[in-house]
Amino acid sequence: MISEESRRKLREMNLDAFVVALDNQEANILNYSSMSFDKRLDLAIDECYTSKNVDKARRLMRCAKLRYPNADINTLYYENRKIDKEQILVLSTCNYIDSARNIIINGFTGSGKTFLACALGKEACRHLHRTRYIRMPDMLEMFNLARETGKGITSVVTKLSNYHVLIIDEWLLDIPSEKEVKYLLEIFEKRYDTWPTIFCTQYKQTEWHPRLGGGVIADAIMDRIVHNSETINSGTANMRELLSKHSL
């Protein structure tokens, strides 16, 4: 814990936000105690930086259309979930965006995949990254509507390709048609090595290929997603049931 004299000096330098970031770490010391000094310093600087851009970040959060707008990295529930706190905190620095590293959140229905993805999406907005949450059924509906009305599939592909972070929920819940698979390939081809995508799915990666129709196009999609990705297992606990009990 820093001394009062150090606090005074930081405030004199207009670094009040840095003091708040250090205080937040101290208040949640169990989440940070296993980290090195360098990592804790990075996180504190990161929080200080994002606090300077609050208004713009709020606009980005509204535009992201997060399913759970109240989701937050700092209020995630970890008990009995076997989720690596340090992994989540490192991801909250948004370094994965700079390296265009995809994130795959895998787990059973109700295990908190979407909430976690929205928490990461909110953090991306705080870092001033254009973010969008969308369910896969809605994304395919956008494509089919554009195709039926002749309003331009290219514009839909371009729009979804240009988000700094694209969160696709219910990934492969429905099996896409051959035309829809080609549309997905166009999106991931444009995003590949440029911007990351966060996938929320209950299916293991070994099940993706057949659900994408198999063959060359499925190979191409898998190649653009899996090889530069990081996986989070959200566990087997039903978070809806668990949090409902805790609220009683």
C-alpha atoms as a PDB file:
ATOM      1  CA  MET A   1       0.000   0.000   0.000  1.00  0.00           C
ATOM      2  CA  ILE A   2       1.422   3.390  -0.976  1.00  0.00           C
ATOM      3  CA  SER A   3       2.065   6.060   1.662  1.00  0.00           C
ATOM      4  CA  GLU A   4       0.004   9.213   2.107  1.00  0.00           C
ATOM      5  CA  GLU A   5       3.000  11.244   0.951  1.00  0.00           C
ATOM      6  CA  SER A   6       3.095   9.290  -2.316  1.00  0.00           C
ATOM      7  CA  ARG A   7      -0.640   9.833  -2.703  1.00  0.00           C
ATOM      8  CA  ARG A   8      -0.173  13.575  -2.251  1.00  0.00           C
ATOM      9  CA  LYS A   9       2.561  13.691  -4.881  1.00  0.00           C
ATOM     10  CA  LEU A  10       0.491  11.720  -7.381  1.00  0.00           C
ATOM     11  CA  ARG A  11      -2.478  14.039  -6.865  1.00  0.00           C
ATOM     12  CA  GLU A  12      -0.255  17.094  -7.312  1.00  0.00           C
ATOM     13  CA  MET A  13       0.692  15.628 -10.700  1.00  0.00           C
ATOM     14  CA  ASN A  14      -3.033  15.256 -11.536  1.00  0.00           C
ATOM     15  CA  LEU A  15      -2.783  11.473 -11.260  1.00  0.00           C
ATOM     16  CA  ASP A  16      -5.826  10.986  -9.021  1.00  0.00           C
ATOM     17  CA  ALA A  17      -7.024   8.184 -11.289  1.00  0.00           C
ATOM     18  CA  PHE A  18      -3.788   6.292 -10.644  1.00  0.00           C
ATOM     19  CA  VAL A  19      -4.370   6.547  -6.888  1.00  0.00           C
ATOM     20  CA  VAL A  20      -7.876   5.164  -7.367  1.00  0.00           C
ATOM     21  CA  ALA A  21      -6.506   2.269  -9.469  1.00  0.00           C
ATOM     22  CA  LEU A  22      -4.016   1.369  -6.722  1.00  0.00           C
ATOM     23  CA  ASP A  23      -6.768   1.577  -4.107  1.00  0.00           C
ATOM     24  CA  ASN A  24      -8.944  -0.745  -6.186  1.00  0.00           C
ATOM     25  CA  GLN A  25      -6.143  -3.302  -6.284  1.00  0.00           C
ATOM     26  CA  GLU A  26      -5.680  -3.030  -2.525  1.00  0.00           C
ATOM     27  CA  ALA A  27      -9.417  -3.506  -1.959  1.00  0.00           C
ATOM     28  CA  ASN A  28      -9.352  -6.678  -4.103  1.00  0.00           C
ATOM     29  CA  ILE A  29      -5.926  -7.904  -3.039  1.00  0.00           C
ATOM     30  CA  LEU A  30      -6.855 -11.603  -3.346  1.00  0.00           C
ATOM     31  CA  ASN A  31      -7.235 -11.161  -7.116  1.00  0.00           C
ATOM     32  CA  TYR A  32      -3.841  -9.505  -7.468  1.00  0.00           C
ATOM     33  CA  SER A  33      -1.606 -11.054  -4.793  1.00  0.00           C
ATOM     34  CA  SER A  34      -0.248 -13.772  -7.100  1.00  0.00           C
ATOM     35  CA  MET A  35       0.735 -11.257  -9.797  1.00  0.00           C
ATOM     36  CA  SER A  36       4.168  -9.794 -10.333  1.00  0.00           C
ATOM     37  CA  PHE A  37       4.844  -6.116  -9.676  1.00  0.00           C
ATOM     38  CA  ASP A  38       5.063  -5.457 -13.424  1.00  0.00           C
ATOM     39  CA  LYS A  39       1.650  -6.971 -14.135  1.00  0.00           C
ATOM     40  CA  ARG A  40       0.019  -5.076 -11.284  1.00  0.00           C
ATOM     41  CA  LEU A  41       1.600  -1.857 -12.492  1.00  0.00           C
ATOM     42  CA  ASP A  42       0.367  -2.522 -16.046  1.00  0.00           C
ATOM     43  CA  LEU A  43      -3.169  -3.052 -14.772  1.00  0.00           C
ATOM     44  CA  ALA A  44      -3.071   0.113 -12.637  1.00  0.00           C
ATOM     45  CA  ILE A  45      -1.818   2.207 -15.562  1.00  0.00           C
ATOM     46  CA  ASP A  46      -4.445   0.580 -17.761  1.00  0.00           C
ATOM     47  CA  GLU A  47      -7.264   1.511 -15.367  1.00  0.00           C
ATOM     48  CA  CYS A  48      -5.903   5.049 -15.065  1.00  0.00           C
ATOM     49  CA  TYR A  49      -5.869   5.415 -18.845  1.00  0.00           C
ATOM     50  CA  THR A  50      -9.418   4.172 -19.342  1.00  0.00           C
ATOM     51  CA  SER A  51     -10.808   6.483 -16.645  1.00  0.00           C
ATOM     52  CA  LYS A  52      -9.657   9.473 -18.725  1.00  0.00           C
ATOM     53  CA  ASN A  53     -11.945   8.452 -21.584  1.00  0.00           C
ATOM     54  CA  VAL A  54     -15.191   7.757 -19.734  1.00  0.00           C
ATOM     55  CA  ASP A  55     -17.624   9.647 -21.972  1.00  0.00           C
ATOM     56  CA  LYS A  56     -16.406   8.137 -25.228  1.00  0.00           C
ATOM     57  CA  ALA A  57     -16.317   4.693 -23.619  1.00  0.00           C
ATOM     58  CA  ARG A  58     -19.963   5.030 -22.553  1.00  0.00           C
ATOM     59  CA  ARG A  59     -21.002   5.825 -26.114  1.00  0.00           C
ATOM     60  CA  LEU A  60     -19.125   2.784 -27.363  1.00  0.00           C
ATOM     61  CA  MET A  61     -20.837   0.616 -24.730  1.00  0.00           C
ATOM     62  CA  ARG A  62     -24.259   1.748 -25.913  1.00  0.00           C
ATOM     63  CA  CYS A  63     -23.340   1.024 -29.537  1.00  0.00           C
ATOM     64  CA  ALA A  64     -21.964  -2.412 -28.597  1.00  0.00           C
ATOM     65  CA  LYS A  65     -25.506  -3.609 -27.745  1.00  0.00           C
ATOM     66  CA  LEU A  66     -24.195  -5.895 -25.016  1.00  0.00           C
ATOM     67  CA  ARG A  67     -26.743  -8.426 -23.839  1.00  0.00           C
ATOM     68  CA  TYR A  68     -25.659  -7.780 -20.251  1.00  0.00           C
ATOM     69  CA  PRO A  69     -24.662  -4.106 -20.091  1.00  0.00           C
ATOM     70  CA  ASN A  70     -24.037  -4.392 -16.336  1.00  0.00           C
ATOM     71  CA  ALA A  71     -21.450  -7.147 -16.789  1.00  0.00           C
ATOM     72  CA  ASP A  72     -18.069  -6.087 -15.425  1.00  0.00           C
ATOM     73  CA  ILE A  73     -14.648  -7.684 -15.038  1.00  0.00           C
ATOM     74  CA  ASN A  74     -14.429  -6.371 -11.467  1.00  0.00           C
ATOM     75  CA  THR A  75     -17.635  -8.097 -10.319  1.00  0.00           C
ATOM     76  CA  LEU A  76     -17.206 -11.523 -11.916  1.00  0.00           C
ATOM     77  CA  TYR A  77     -18.156 -14.498  -9.746  1.00  0.00           C
ATOM     78  CA  TYR A  78     -15.258 -16.963  -9.468  1.00  0.00           C
ATOM     79  CA  GLU A  79     -16.161 -19.276  -6.585  1.00  0.00           C
ATOM     80  CA  ASN A  80     -16.376 -22.966  -7.584  1.00  0.00           C
ATOM     81  CA  ARG A  81     -16.035 -22.106 -11.291  1.00  0.00           C
ATOM     82  CA  LYS A  82     -12.357 -23.010 -11.853  1.00  0.00           C
ATOM     83  CA  ILE A  83     -11.892 -19.884 -13.972  1.00  0.00           C
ATOM     84  CA  ASP A  84      -8.337 -18.517 -13.931  1.00  0.00           C
ATOM     85  CA  LYS A  85      -8.616 -15.028 -12.377  1.00  0.00           C
ATOM     86  CA  GLU A  86      -5.204 -14.011 -13.642  1.00  0.00           C
ATOM     87  CA  GLN A  87      -6.091 -15.039 -17.200  1.00  0.00           C
ATOM     88  CA  ILE A  88      -9.225 -12.862 -17.077  1.00  0.00           C
ATOM     89  CA  LEU A  89      -7.385  -9.901 -15.569  1.00  0.00           C
ATOM     90  CA  VAL A  90      -4.662 -10.113 -18.216  1.00  0.00           C
ATOM     91  CA  LEU A  91      -7.346 -10.243 -20.928  1.00  0.00           C
ATOM     92  CA  SER A  92      -8.889  -7.135 -19.376  1.00  0.00           C
ATOM     93  CA  THR A  93      -5.802  -5.178 -20.494  1.00  0.00           C
ATOM     94  CA  CYS A  94      -7.022  -5.845 -24.067  1.00  0.00           C
ATOM     95  CA  ASN A  95      -3.605  -6.951 -25.332  1.00  0.00           C
ATOM     96  CA  TYR A  96      -5.421  -9.695 -27.231  1.00  0.00           C
ATOM     97  CA  ILE A  97      -6.910  -6.975 -29.445  1.00  0.00           C
ATOM     98  CA  ASP A  98      -3.491  -5.714 -30.520  1.00  0.00           C
ATOM     99  CA  SER A  99      -2.439  -9.250 -31.433  1.00  0.00           C
ATOM    100  CA  ALA A 100      -5.828 -10.060 -33.043  1.00  0.00           C
ATOM    101  CA  ARG A 101      -6.084 -13.137 -30.824  1.00  0.00           C
ATOM    102  CA  ASN A 102      -9.526 -14.727 -30.787  1.00  0.00           C
ATOM    103  CA  ILE A 103     -11.161 -15.816 -27.541  1.00  0.00           C
ATOM    104  CA  ILE A 104     -13.291 -18.949 -27.320  1.00  0.00           C
ATOM    105  CA  ILE A 105     -15.514 -19.182 -24.242  1.00  0.00           C
ATOM    106  CA  ASN A 106     -16.741 -22.738 -23.939  1.00  0.00           C
ATOM    107  CA  GLY A 107     -19.186 -24.164 -21.429  1.00  0.00           C
ATOM    108  CA  PHE A 108     -22.589 -25.601 -20.713  1.00  0.00           C
ATOM    109  CA  THR A 109     -25.848 -23.665 -21.002  1.00  0.00           C
ATOM    110  CA  GLY A 110     -26.216 -21.247 -18.093  1.00  0.00           C
ATOM    111  CA  SER A 111     -22.519 -21.365 -17.150  1.00  0.00           C
ATOM    112  CA  GLY A 112     -22.015 -17.617 -17.639  1.00  0.00           C
ATOM    113  CA  LYS A 113     -20.379 -17.535 -21.083  1.00  0.00           C
ATOM    114  CA  THR A 114     -22.357 -14.549 -22.324  1.00  0.00           C
ATOM    115  CA  PHE A 115     -21.882 -12.558 -19.109  1.00  0.00           C
ATOM    116  CA  LEU A 116     -18.122 -13.083 -19.263  1.00  0.00           C
ATOM    117  CA  ALA A 117     -18.011 -12.111 -22.953  1.00  0.00           C
ATOM    118  CA  CYS A 118     -19.989  -8.939 -22.215  1.00  0.00           C
ATOM    119  CA  ALA A 119     -17.601  -8.093 -19.370  1.00  0.00           C
ATOM    120  CA  LEU A 120     -14.672  -8.392 -21.789  1.00  0.00           C
ATOM    121  CA  GLY A 121     -16.616  -6.403 -24.375  1.00  0.00           C
ATOM    122  CA  LYS A 122     -17.237  -3.600 -21.889  1.00  0.00           C
ATOM    123  CA  GLU A 123     -13.534  -3.540 -21.063  1.00  0.00           C
ATOM    124  CA  ALA A 124     -12.752  -3.226 -24.780  1.00  0.00           C
ATOM    125  CA  CYS A 125     -15.096  -0.206 -24.936  1.00  0.00           C
ATOM    126  CA  ARG A 126     -13.266   1.320 -21.981  1.00  0.00           C
ATOM    127  CA  HIS A 127     -10.122   1.000 -24.065  1.00  0.00           C
ATOM    128  CA  LEU A 128     -11.952   2.878 -26.846  1.00  0.00           C
ATOM    129  CA  HIS A 129     -12.358  -0.115 -29.142  1.00  0.00           C
ATOM    130  CA  ARG A 130     -15.453  -0.361 -31.343  1.00  0.00           C
ATOM    131  CA  THR A 131     -17.252  -3.462 -30.105  1.00  0.00           C
ATOM    132  CA  ARG A 132     -20.403  -5.329 -31.133  1.00  0.00           C
ATOM    133  CA  TYR A 133     -22.316  -8.160 -29.505  1.00  0.00           C
ATOM    134  CA  ILE A 134     -24.539 -10.290 -31.723  1.00  0.00           C
ATOM    135  CA  ARG A 135     -26.190 -13.700 -31.511  1.00  0.00           C
ATOM    136  CA  MET A 136     -25.301 -16.032 -34.375  1.00  0.00           C
ATOM    137  CA  PRO A 137     -28.979 -16.539 -35.343  1.00  0.00           C
ATOM    138  CA  ASP A 138     -29.381 -12.750 -35.630  1.00  0.00           C
ATOM    139  CA  MET A 139     -26.174 -12.449 -37.635  1.00  0.00           C
ATOM    140  CA  LEU A 140     -27.362 -15.057 -40.140  1.00  0.00           C
ATOM    141  CA  GLU A 141     -30.736 -13.313 -40.313  1.00  0.00           C
ATOM    142  CA  MET A 142     -28.951 -10.075 -41.249  1.00  0.00           C
ATOM    143  CA  PHE A 143     -27.245 -11.911 -44.087  1.00  0.00           C
ATOM    144  CA  ASN A 144     -30.411 -13.587 -45.356  1.00  0.00           C
ATOM    145  CA  LEU A 145     -32.429 -10.360 -45.168  1.00  0.00           C
ATOM    146  CA  ALA A 146     -29.760  -8.516 -47.158  1.00  0.00           C
ATOM    147  CA  ARG A 147     -29.755 -11.297 -49.750  1.00  0.00           C
ATOM    148  CA  GLU A 148     -33.555 -11.361 -50.067  1.00  0.00           C
ATOM    149  CA  THR A 149     -34.015  -7.594 -50.268  1.00  0.00           C
ATOM    150  CA  GLY A 150     -30.973  -6.986 -52.451  1.00  0.00           C
ATOM    151  CA  LYS A 151     -29.663  -4.346 -50.035  1.00  0.00           C
ATOM    152  CA  GLY A 152     -26.113  -5.592 -50.256  1.00  0.00           C
ATOM    153  CA  ILE A 153     -24.495  -8.545 -48.531  1.00  0.00           C
ATOM    154  CA  THR A 154     -21.120  -6.851 -48.999  1.00  0.00           C
ATOM    155  CA  SER A 155     -22.101  -3.973 -46.718  1.00  0.00           C
ATOM    156  CA  VAL A 156     -23.176  -6.408 -43.974  1.00  0.00           C
ATOM    157  CA  VAL A 157     -19.900  -8.321 -44.252  1.00  0.00           C
ATOM    158  CA  THR A 158     -17.890  -5.091 -44.187  1.00  0.00           C
ATOM    159  CA  LYS A 159     -19.775  -3.748 -41.178  1.00  0.00           C
ATOM    160  CA  LEU A 160     -19.233  -6.884 -39.079  1.00  0.00           C
ATOM    161  CA  SER A 161     -15.633  -7.189 -40.268  1.00  0.00           C
ATOM    162  CA  ASN A 162     -14.640  -3.715 -39.111  1.00  0.00           C
ATOM    163  CA  TYR A 163     -15.522  -3.941 -35.418  1.00  0.00           C
ATOM    164  CA  HIS A 164     -12.388  -4.015 -33.281  1.00  0.00           C
ATOM    165  CA  VAL A 165     -14.032  -6.715 -31.151  1.00  0.00           C
ATOM    166  CA  LEU A 166     -16.902  -8.844 -32.449  1.00  0.00           C
ATOM    167  CA  ILE A 167     -18.701 -11.015 -29.880  1.00  0.00           C
ATOM    168  CA  ILE A 168     -20.657 -13.875 -31.427  1.00  0.00           C
ATOM    169  CA  ASP A 169     -22.969 -15.547 -28.924  1.00  0.00           C
ATOM    170  CA  GLU A 170     -24.629 -18.949 -29.463  1.00  0.00           C
ATOM    171  CA  TRP A 171     -21.892 -19.835 -31.958  1.00  0.00           C
ATOM    172  CA  LEU A 172     -23.039 -22.794 -34.087  1.00  0.00           C
ATOM    173  CA  LEU A 173     -26.205 -23.299 -32.025  1.00  0.00           C
ATOM    174  CA  ASP A 174     -27.946 -23.582 -35.403  1.00  0.00           C
ATOM    175  CA  ILE A 175     -26.260 -25.353 -38.294  1.00  0.00           C
ATOM    176  CA  PRO A 176     -25.688 -22.756 -41.054  1.00  0.00           C
ATOM    177  CA  SER A 177     -26.638 -23.401 -44.654  1.00  0.00           C
ATOM    178  CA  GLU A 178     -24.016 -23.686 -47.411  1.00  0.00           C
ATOM    179  CA  LYS A 179     -24.589 -20.043 -48.416  1.00  0.00           C
ATOM    180  CA  GLU A 180     -24.391 -18.905 -44.800  1.00  0.00           C
ATOM    181  CA  VAL A 181     -21.103 -20.769 -44.315  1.00  0.00           C
ATOM    182  CA  LYS A 182     -19.618 -18.889 -47.274  1.00  0.00           C
ATOM    183  CA  TYR A 183     -20.805 -15.640 -45.696  1.00  0.00           C
ATOM    184  CA  LEU A 184     -19.112 -16.577 -42.420  1.00  0.00           C
ATOM    185  CA  LEU A 185     -15.868 -17.306 -44.254  1.00  0.00           C
ATOM    186  CA  GLU A 186     -15.952 -13.827 -45.818  1.00  0.00           C
ATOM    187  CA  ILE A 187     -16.271 -12.212 -42.381  1.00  0.00           C
ATOM    188  CA  PHE A 188     -13.493 -14.243 -40.769  1.00  0.00           C
ATOM    189  CA  GLU A 189     -11.230 -13.800 -43.771  1.00  0.00           C
ATOM    190  CA  LYS A 190     -11.522 -10.017 -43.420  1.00  0.00           C
ATOM    191  CA  ARG A 191     -11.059 -10.141 -39.635  1.00  0.00           C
ATOM    192  CA  TYR A 192      -8.165 -12.587 -39.741  1.00  0.00           C
ATOM    193  CA  ASP A 193      -4.933 -11.168 -38.327  1.00  0.00           C
ATOM    194  CA  THR A 194      -6.601  -7.749 -37.997  1.00  0.00           C
ATOM    195  CA  TRP A 195      -9.290  -7.848 -35.289  1.00  0.00           C
ATOM    196  CA  PRO A 196     -10.247 -10.532 -32.740  1.00  0.00           C
ATOM    197  CA  THR A 197     -13.576 -12.287 -32.357  1.00  0.00           C
ATOM    198  CA  ILE A 198     -15.005 -13.641 -29.103  1.00  0.00           C
ATOM    199  CA  PHE A 199     -17.023 -16.840 -29.510  1.00  0.00           C
ATOM    200  CA  CYS A 200     -19.494 -18.117 -26.890  1.00  0.00           C
ATOM    201  CA  THR A 201     -20.367 -21.733 -27.514  1.00  0.00           C
ATOM    202  CA  GLN A 202     -21.448 -24.926 -25.841  1.00  0.00           C
ATOM    203  CA  TYR A 203     -19.775 -26.986 -28.551  1.00  0.00           C
ATOM    204  CA  LYS A 204     -16.195 -28.247 -28.353  1.00  0.00           C
ATOM    205  CA  GLN A 205     -13.886 -27.331 -31.213  1.00  0.00           C
ATOM    206  CA  THR A 206     -13.944 -30.958 -32.404  1.00  0.00           C
ATOM    207  CA  GLU A 207     -17.667 -30.494 -33.097  1.00  0.00           C
ATOM    208  CA  TRP A 208     -17.305 -27.291 -35.115  1.00  0.00           C
ATOM    209  CA  HIS A 209     -16.102 -28.776 -38.389  1.00  0.00           C
ATOM    210  CA  PRO A 210     -19.137 -31.008 -39.051  1.00  0.00           C
ATOM    211  CA  ARG A 211     -21.534 -28.245 -37.925  1.00  0.00           C
ATOM    212  CA  LEU A 212     -19.904 -25.987 -40.515  1.00  0.00           C
ATOM    213  CA  GLY A 213     -20.711 -28.529 -43.199  1.00  0.00           C
ATOM    214  CA  GLY A 214     -17.295 -30.186 -43.381  1.00  0.00           C
ATOM    215  CA  GLY A 215     -15.099 -29.841 -46.427  1.00  0.00           C
ATOM    216  CA  VAL A 216     -12.788 -27.094 -47.633  1.00  0.00           C
ATOM    217  CA  ILE A 217     -14.808 -24.091 -46.452  1.00  0.00           C
ATOM    218  CA  ALA A 218     -15.135 -25.515 -42.952  1.00  0.00           C
ATOM    219  CA  ASP A 219     -11.356 -26.071 -42.968  1.00  0.00           C
ATOM    220  CA  ALA A 220     -10.789 -22.460 -43.985  1.00  0.00           C
ATOM    221  CA  ILE A 221     -13.068 -21.080 -41.259  1.00  0.00           C
ATOM    222  CA  MET A 222     -11.478 -23.239 -38.578  1.00  0.00           C
ATOM    223  CA  ASP A 223      -8.007 -22.210 -39.755  1.00  0.00           C
ATOM    224  CA  ARG A 224      -8.851 -18.516 -39.378  1.00  0.00           C
ATOM    225  CA  ILE A 225     -10.345 -18.938 -35.908  1.00  0.00           C
ATOM    226  CA  VAL A 226      -8.593 -21.649 -33.942  1.00  0.00           C
ATOM    227  CA  HIS A 227      -4.869 -21.278 -34.582  1.00  0.00           C
ATOM    228  CA  ASN A 228      -4.606 -17.815 -33.060  1.00  0.00           C
ATOM    229  CA  SER A 229      -7.006 -18.191 -30.170  1.00  0.00           C
ATOM    230  CA  GLU A 230      -7.230 -18.492 -26.405  1.00  0.00           C
ATOM    231  CA  THR A 231      -9.822 -20.695 -24.704  1.00  0.00           C
ATOM    232  CA  ILE A 232     -11.714 -20.039 -21.482  1.00  0.00           C
ATOM    233  CA  ASN A 233     -13.771 -22.853 -19.963  1.00  0.00           C
ATOM    234  CA  SER A 234     -16.693 -21.334 -18.080  1.00  0.00           C
ATOM    235  CA  GLY A 235     -17.185 -24.526 -16.094  1.00  0.00           C
ATOM    236  CA  THR A 236     -20.189 -26.727 -15.407  1.00  0.00           C
ATOM    237  CA  ALA A 237     -21.961 -24.703 -12.704  1.00  0.00           C
ATOM    238  CA  ASN A 238     -25.338 -23.252 -13.665  1.00  0.00           C
ATOM    239  CA  MET A 239     -24.742 -19.591 -12.837  1.00  0.00           C
ATOM    240  CA  ARG A 240     -28.393 -18.616 -13.226  1.00  0.00           C
ATOM    241  CA  GLU A 241     -29.394 -21.175 -10.598  1.00  0.00           C
ATOM    242  CA  LEU A 242     -26.444 -20.388  -8.349  1.00  0.00           C
ATOM    243  CA  LEU A 243     -26.906 -16.599  -8.379  1.00  0.00           C
ATOM    244  CA  SER A 244     -30.642 -17.019  -7.887  1.00  0.00           C
ATOM    245  CA  LYS A 245     -29.971 -18.938  -4.668  1.00  0.00           C
ATOM    246  CA  HIS A 246     -27.486 -16.308  -3.491  1.00  0.00           C
ATOM    247  CA  SER A 247     -30.053 -13.567  -3.995  1.00  0.00           C
ATOM    248  CA  LEU A 248     -32.595 -15.232  -1.680  1.00  0.00           C
END
